């Protein structure tokens, strides 16, 4: 997700995921293509009330953005100053919550103004966030997804993500879609559809056909799939990646 170059354990992960016969692997059909800022190192994404909200990473380049879908224009922005590295975001009530990667600190914003109104702390790393009607879900790069009380941000339980009985690490950006947790798996071109009760992966979605060509991005080695947003009112799913030139409705 953040480290440049491939780790040995990542190299071992990729062939395992390519042979996942025990669960279905779906392709995608692109419904529409939208512009995406190639300077946005996407770490978090969600849809609310007609706009995309995006968190970008890298120290000195991190921000929260309210984005116009049709044009890709940033209509509201809050910069996250060094030394923090922005990660996942989510809206709960009238507050927007943001994780940071290695600082063990999250920030709370007034959703309307994006003014910072608080912070919280957690052990380990912060990667992705999503929510259902009652809880916030947080990934940290391990096979576990933390379930948080939205009032206290205390961990109420943990979900261990597994495929065919084996734990799956590098669970990254998250989205709640129709009772499932959809998760990017860092350094793969796949989304895992996870049962939030058992942690079992029910299916994979292969988006390898959407990955930009090297000449379309400034840093091909790090321009990985990351970012899932769901418009529940219109039943639309959006995906993108770090510094990708496009965001796709699939």
Protein backbone atom coordinates (compact mmCIF):
# COMPACT_ATOMS: atom_id res chain seq x y z
CA UNK A 1 0.00 0.00 0.00
CA UNK A 2 2.75 2.40 0.88
CA UNK A 3 6.14 0.71 0.59
CA UNK A 4 7.91 1.05 -2.73
CA UNK A 5 8.82 -2.29 -4.26
CA UNK A 6 7.35 -5.74 -3.69
CA UNK A 7 7.92 -7.71 -0.52
CA UNK A 8 8.53 -11.45 -0.75
CA UNK A 9 5.28 -12.19 1.06
CA UNK A 10 3.45 -10.08 -1.52
CA UNK A 11 5.02 -12.09 -4.33
CA UNK A 12 3.75 -15.22 -2.66
CA UNK A 13 0.28 -13.71 -2.24
CA UNK A 14 -0.28 -12.93 -5.92
CA UNK A 15 -0.17 -16.50 -7.31
CA UNK A 16 -2.35 -17.71 -4.45
CA UNK A 17 -5.05 -15.23 -5.41
CA UNK A 18 -4.77 -16.20 -9.06
CA UNK A 19 -5.81 -19.75 -8.23
CA UNK A 20 -8.87 -19.15 -6.07
CA UNK A 21 -11.10 -21.86 -7.54
CA UNK A 22 -13.00 -22.30 -4.28
CA UNK A 23 -14.79 -18.95 -4.71
CA UNK A 24 -16.09 -17.24 -7.85
CA UNK A 25 -13.94 -14.68 -9.65
CA UNK A 26 -15.99 -12.07 -11.49
CA UNK A 27 -14.96 -9.71 -14.22
CA UNK A 28 -16.42 -6.22 -14.61
CA UNK A 29 -18.26 -4.20 -17.22
CA UNK A 30 -17.50 -0.48 -17.35
CA UNK A 31 -20.74 1.50 -17.37
CA UNK A 32 -19.18 4.98 -17.47
CA UNK A 33 -15.72 6.52 -17.29
CA UNK A 34 -15.04 9.76 -15.39
CA UNK A 35 -11.92 11.92 -15.01
CA UNK A 36 -9.71 11.45 -11.95
CA UNK A 37 -6.88 13.64 -10.73
CA UNK A 38 -3.58 11.92 -11.54
CA UNK A 39 -2.07 13.76 -8.60
CA UNK A 40 -4.43 12.03 -6.16
CA UNK A 41 -2.72 9.10 -4.42
CA UNK A 42 -6.07 7.59 -3.48
CA UNK A 43 -6.32 6.03 0.00
CA UNK A 44 -10.02 6.43 0.82
CA UNK A 45 -13.19 6.99 -1.18
CA UNK A 46 -16.91 7.24 -0.49
CA UNK A 47 -20.04 8.74 -2.05
CA UNK A 48 -22.46 11.05 -0.27
CA UNK A 49 -25.26 13.29 -1.45
CA UNK A 50 -24.11 13.80 -5.01
CA UNK A 51 -20.35 13.99 -4.51
CA UNK A 52 -17.32 11.78 -4.10
CA UNK A 53 -15.16 12.25 -1.02
CA UNK A 54 -11.56 11.17 -1.41
CA UNK A 55 -8.58 10.91 0.92
CA UNK A 56 -5.12 11.10 -0.62
CA UNK A 57 -1.84 9.93 0.83
CA UNK A 58 1.90 10.63 0.80
CA UNK A 59 3.50 12.97 3.32
CA UNK A 60 3.15 16.55 2.15
CA UNK A 61 0.52 15.60 -0.45
CA UNK A 62 -2.23 14.24 1.80
CA UNK A 63 -5.70 15.77 1.74
CA UNK A 64 -9.43 15.23 2.01
CA UNK A 65 -11.35 16.29 -1.08
CA UNK A 66 -14.95 16.77 -2.09
CA UNK A 67 -15.02 15.99 -5.81
CA UNK A 68 -17.48 16.60 -8.63
CA UNK A 69 -18.07 13.24 -10.31
CA UNK A 70 -18.64 14.47 -13.85
CA UNK A 71 -15.62 16.77 -14.09
CA UNK A 72 -13.24 15.44 -11.46
CA UNK A 73 -12.98 18.99 -10.11
CA UNK A 74 -12.09 19.39 -6.43
CA UNK A 75 -14.80 21.63 -4.96
CA UNK A 76 -13.64 21.50 -1.33
CA UNK A 77 -10.32 20.47 0.16
CA UNK A 78 -8.61 20.09 3.52
CA UNK A 79 -4.83 19.59 3.49
CA UNK A 80 -3.23 17.21 6.00
CA UNK A 81 0.12 18.68 6.96
CA UNK A 82 3.33 16.67 7.56
CA UNK A 83 4.30 14.43 9.19
CA UNK A 84 0.93 12.77 8.64
CA UNK A 85 0.15 10.41 5.77
CA UNK A 86 -3.57 10.38 4.96
CA UNK A 87 -5.44 7.10 4.78
CA UNK A 88 -9.07 5.92 4.86
CA UNK A 89 -12.04 8.20 5.52
CA UNK A 90 -15.71 7.75 6.37
CA UNK A 91 -18.72 9.83 7.30
CA UNK A 92 -20.74 8.94 10.38
CA UNK A 93 -23.46 11.34 11.51
CA UNK A 94 -22.17 14.86 10.94
CA UNK A 95 -18.50 13.94 11.41
CA UNK A 96 -15.88 12.77 8.95
CA UNK A 97 -13.21 10.43 10.30
CA UNK A 98 -9.74 10.05 8.78
CA UNK A 99 -6.98 7.55 9.49
CA UNK A 100 -3.26 8.12 9.10
CA UNK A 101 -0.82 5.42 8.11
CA UNK A 102 1.89 4.99 10.75
CA UNK A 103 1.20 7.80 13.22
CA UNK A 104 -1.39 5.94 15.31
CA UNK A 105 -3.57 9.06 15.09
CA UNK A 106 -6.89 9.68 13.41
CA UNK A 107 -8.63 13.00 12.89
CA UNK A 108 -12.27 14.06 13.19
CA UNK A 109 -13.72 16.82 11.02
CA UNK A 110 -16.96 18.73 10.83
CA UNK A 111 -18.37 17.21 7.66
CA UNK A 112 -19.87 20.41 6.29
CA UNK A 113 -16.85 22.67 6.75
CA UNK A 114 -14.03 20.08 6.94
CA UNK A 115 -12.74 21.95 9.99
CA UNK A 116 -10.83 19.66 12.35
CA UNK A 117 -12.72 19.20 15.61
CA UNK A 118 -10.93 16.30 17.29
CA UNK A 119 -8.60 13.35 17.07
CA UNK A 120 -8.33 9.76 18.25
CA UNK A 121 -5.59 7.19 18.65
CA UNK A 122 -5.15 3.52 17.82
CA UNK A 123 -2.37 0.92 17.97
CA UNK A 124 -0.81 -0.28 14.73
CA UNK A 125 -1.38 1.18 11.30
CA UNK A 126 -4.41 2.80 9.70
CA UNK A 127 -5.42 1.77 6.16
CA UNK A 128 -9.12 1.80 5.16
CA UNK A 129 -12.54 2.68 6.61
CA UNK A 130 -16.20 2.00 5.89
CA UNK A 131 -19.43 1.78 7.88
CA UNK A 132 -22.86 0.21 8.17
CA UNK A 133 -25.78 1.72 10.07
CA UNK A 134 -24.30 1.05 13.50
CA UNK A 135 -20.52 0.60 13.30
CA UNK A 136 -17.33 1.78 11.64
CA UNK A 137 -14.97 -0.76 10.09
CA UNK A 138 -11.22 -0.19 9.92
CA UNK A 139 -8.44 -2.10 8.16
CA UNK A 140 -4.82 -1.97 9.28
CA UNK A 141 -2.88 -4.02 6.71
CA UNK A 142 -3.30 -7.28 8.62
CA UNK A 143 -5.95 -9.96 7.99
CA UNK A 144 -8.10 -8.31 10.68
CA UNK A 145 -10.78 -5.68 10.24
CA UNK A 146 -11.54 -3.78 13.44
CA UNK A 147 -15.19 -3.01 14.26
CA UNK A 148 -15.43 0.35 16.04
CA UNK A 149 -18.10 1.94 18.18
CA UNK A 150 -18.81 5.23 16.32
CA UNK A 151 -19.22 7.18 19.56
CA UNK A 152 -16.12 6.04 21.45
CA UNK A 153 -14.10 4.60 18.52
CA UNK A 154 -13.30 1.66 20.79
CA UNK A 155 -12.84 -1.74 19.14
CA UNK A 156 -15.93 -3.88 19.80
CA UNK A 157 -14.77 -6.94 17.88
CA UNK A 158 -12.42 -8.04 15.10
CA UNK A 159 -13.15 -9.79 11.83
CA UNK A 160 -10.42 -12.10 10.52
CA UNK A 161 -10.49 -12.20 6.71
CA UNK A 162 -9.97 -15.67 5.27
CA UNK A 163 -10.07 -17.41 1.92
CA UNK A 164 -10.41 -21.18 1.93
CA UNK A 165 -9.46 -21.21 5.61
CA UNK A 166 -6.28 -19.16 5.11
CA UNK A 167 -5.87 -15.64 6.45
CA UNK A 168 -5.59 -12.92 3.81
CA UNK A 169 -3.46 -9.88 4.67
CA UNK A 170 -3.14 -6.42 3.07
CA UNK A 171 -6.84 -5.68 3.31
CA UNK A 172 -6.89 -2.07 2.17
CA UNK A 173 -9.65 0.41 1.18
CA UNK A 174 -13.10 -0.71 2.32
CA UNK A 175 -16.70 -0.17 1.23
CA UNK A 176 -19.98 -1.50 2.62
CA UNK A 177 -22.14 -2.77 -0.26
CA UNK A 178 -25.44 -4.59 0.28
CA UNK A 179 -24.42 -6.30 3.49
CA UNK A 180 -20.88 -7.17 2.38
CA UNK A 181 -17.52 -5.53 2.95
CA UNK A 182 -15.74 -4.95 -0.34
CA UNK A 183 -11.99 -4.55 0.06
CA UNK A 184 -9.06 -3.77 -2.19
CA UNK A 185 -6.18 -6.17 -1.58
CA UNK A 186 -3.01 -4.15 -1.86
CA UNK A 187 -0.73 -5.00 -4.79
CA UNK A 188 -3.35 -7.11 -6.52
CA UNK A 189 -5.93 -6.08 -9.11
CA UNK A 190 -8.73 -7.71 -7.16
CA UNK A 191 -11.49 -6.71 -4.79
CA UNK A 192 -12.53 -9.22 -2.14
CA UNK A 193 -16.21 -9.48 -1.17
CA UNK A 194 -16.15 -10.33 2.53
CA UNK A 195 -18.86 -11.73 4.81
CA UNK A 196 -18.79 -9.30 7.78
CA UNK A 197 -19.97 -11.97 10.21
CA UNK A 198 -17.48 -14.72 9.41
CA UNK A 199 -14.72 -12.85 7.58
CA UNK A 200 -14.83 -15.41 4.77
CA UNK A 201 -14.22 -14.11 1.26
CA UNK A 202 -17.33 -14.92 -0.79
CA UNK A 203 -15.96 -13.85 -4.18
CA UNK A 204 -13.22 -11.91 -5.92
CA UNK A 205 -13.68 -9.23 -8.57
CA UNK A 206 -10.89 -8.97 -11.13
CA UNK A 207 -10.22 -5.41 -12.32
CA UNK A 208 -6.92 -6.04 -14.09
CA UNK A 209 -8.36 -4.70 -17.34
CA UNK A 210 -8.76 -1.23 -15.79
CA UNK A 211 -5.16 -0.77 -14.66
CA UNK A 212 -3.56 2.22 -16.46
CA UNK A 213 -0.74 1.74 -18.94
CA UNK A 214 2.69 2.89 -17.67
CA UNK A 215 2.63 6.07 -19.75
CA UNK A 216 -0.68 7.17 -18.20
CA UNK A 217 0.62 7.54 -14.62
CA UNK A 218 3.63 9.22 -13.03
CA UNK A 219 4.67 6.22 -10.94
CA UNK A 220 3.44 2.94 -12.49
CA UNK A 221 4.89 0.79 -9.71
CA UNK A 222 2.67 2.44 -7.12
CA UNK A 223 -0.40 3.19 -9.26
CA UNK A 224 -2.33 0.28 -7.81
CA UNK A 225 -6.04 -0.30 -7.58
CA UNK A 226 -7.40 1.49 -4.49
CA UNK A 227 -10.73 3.19 -3.96
CA UNK A 228 -14.30 1.84 -3.88
CA UNK A 229 -17.41 3.97 -3.47
CA UNK A 230 -21.08 2.98 -3.52
CA UNK A 231 -24.04 5.20 -4.34
CA UNK A 232 -26.82 3.25 -2.61
CA UNK A 233 -29.62 5.51 -3.88
CA UNK A 234 -28.81 4.83 -7.51
CA UNK A 235 -27.09 1.47 -7.00
CA UNK A 236 -23.82 2.60 -8.57
CA UNK A 237 -20.33 1.28 -7.79
CA UNK A 238 -17.24 3.38 -8.49
CA UNK A 239 -13.60 2.27 -8.47
CA UNK A 240 -10.26 3.95 -9.10
CA UNK A 241 -6.60 3.72 -8.10
CA UNK A 242 -3.63 5.72 -6.92
CA UNK A 243 -2.88 8.50 -9.44
CA UNK A 244 -5.18 6.90 -11.99
CA UNK A 245 -6.42 9.17 -14.79
CA UNK A 246 -9.91 7.69 -14.61
CA UNK A 247 -12.59 6.66 -12.15
CA UNK A 248 -14.95 3.96 -13.35
CA UNK A 249 -18.57 3.14 -12.71
CA UNK A 250 -18.75 -0.66 -12.96
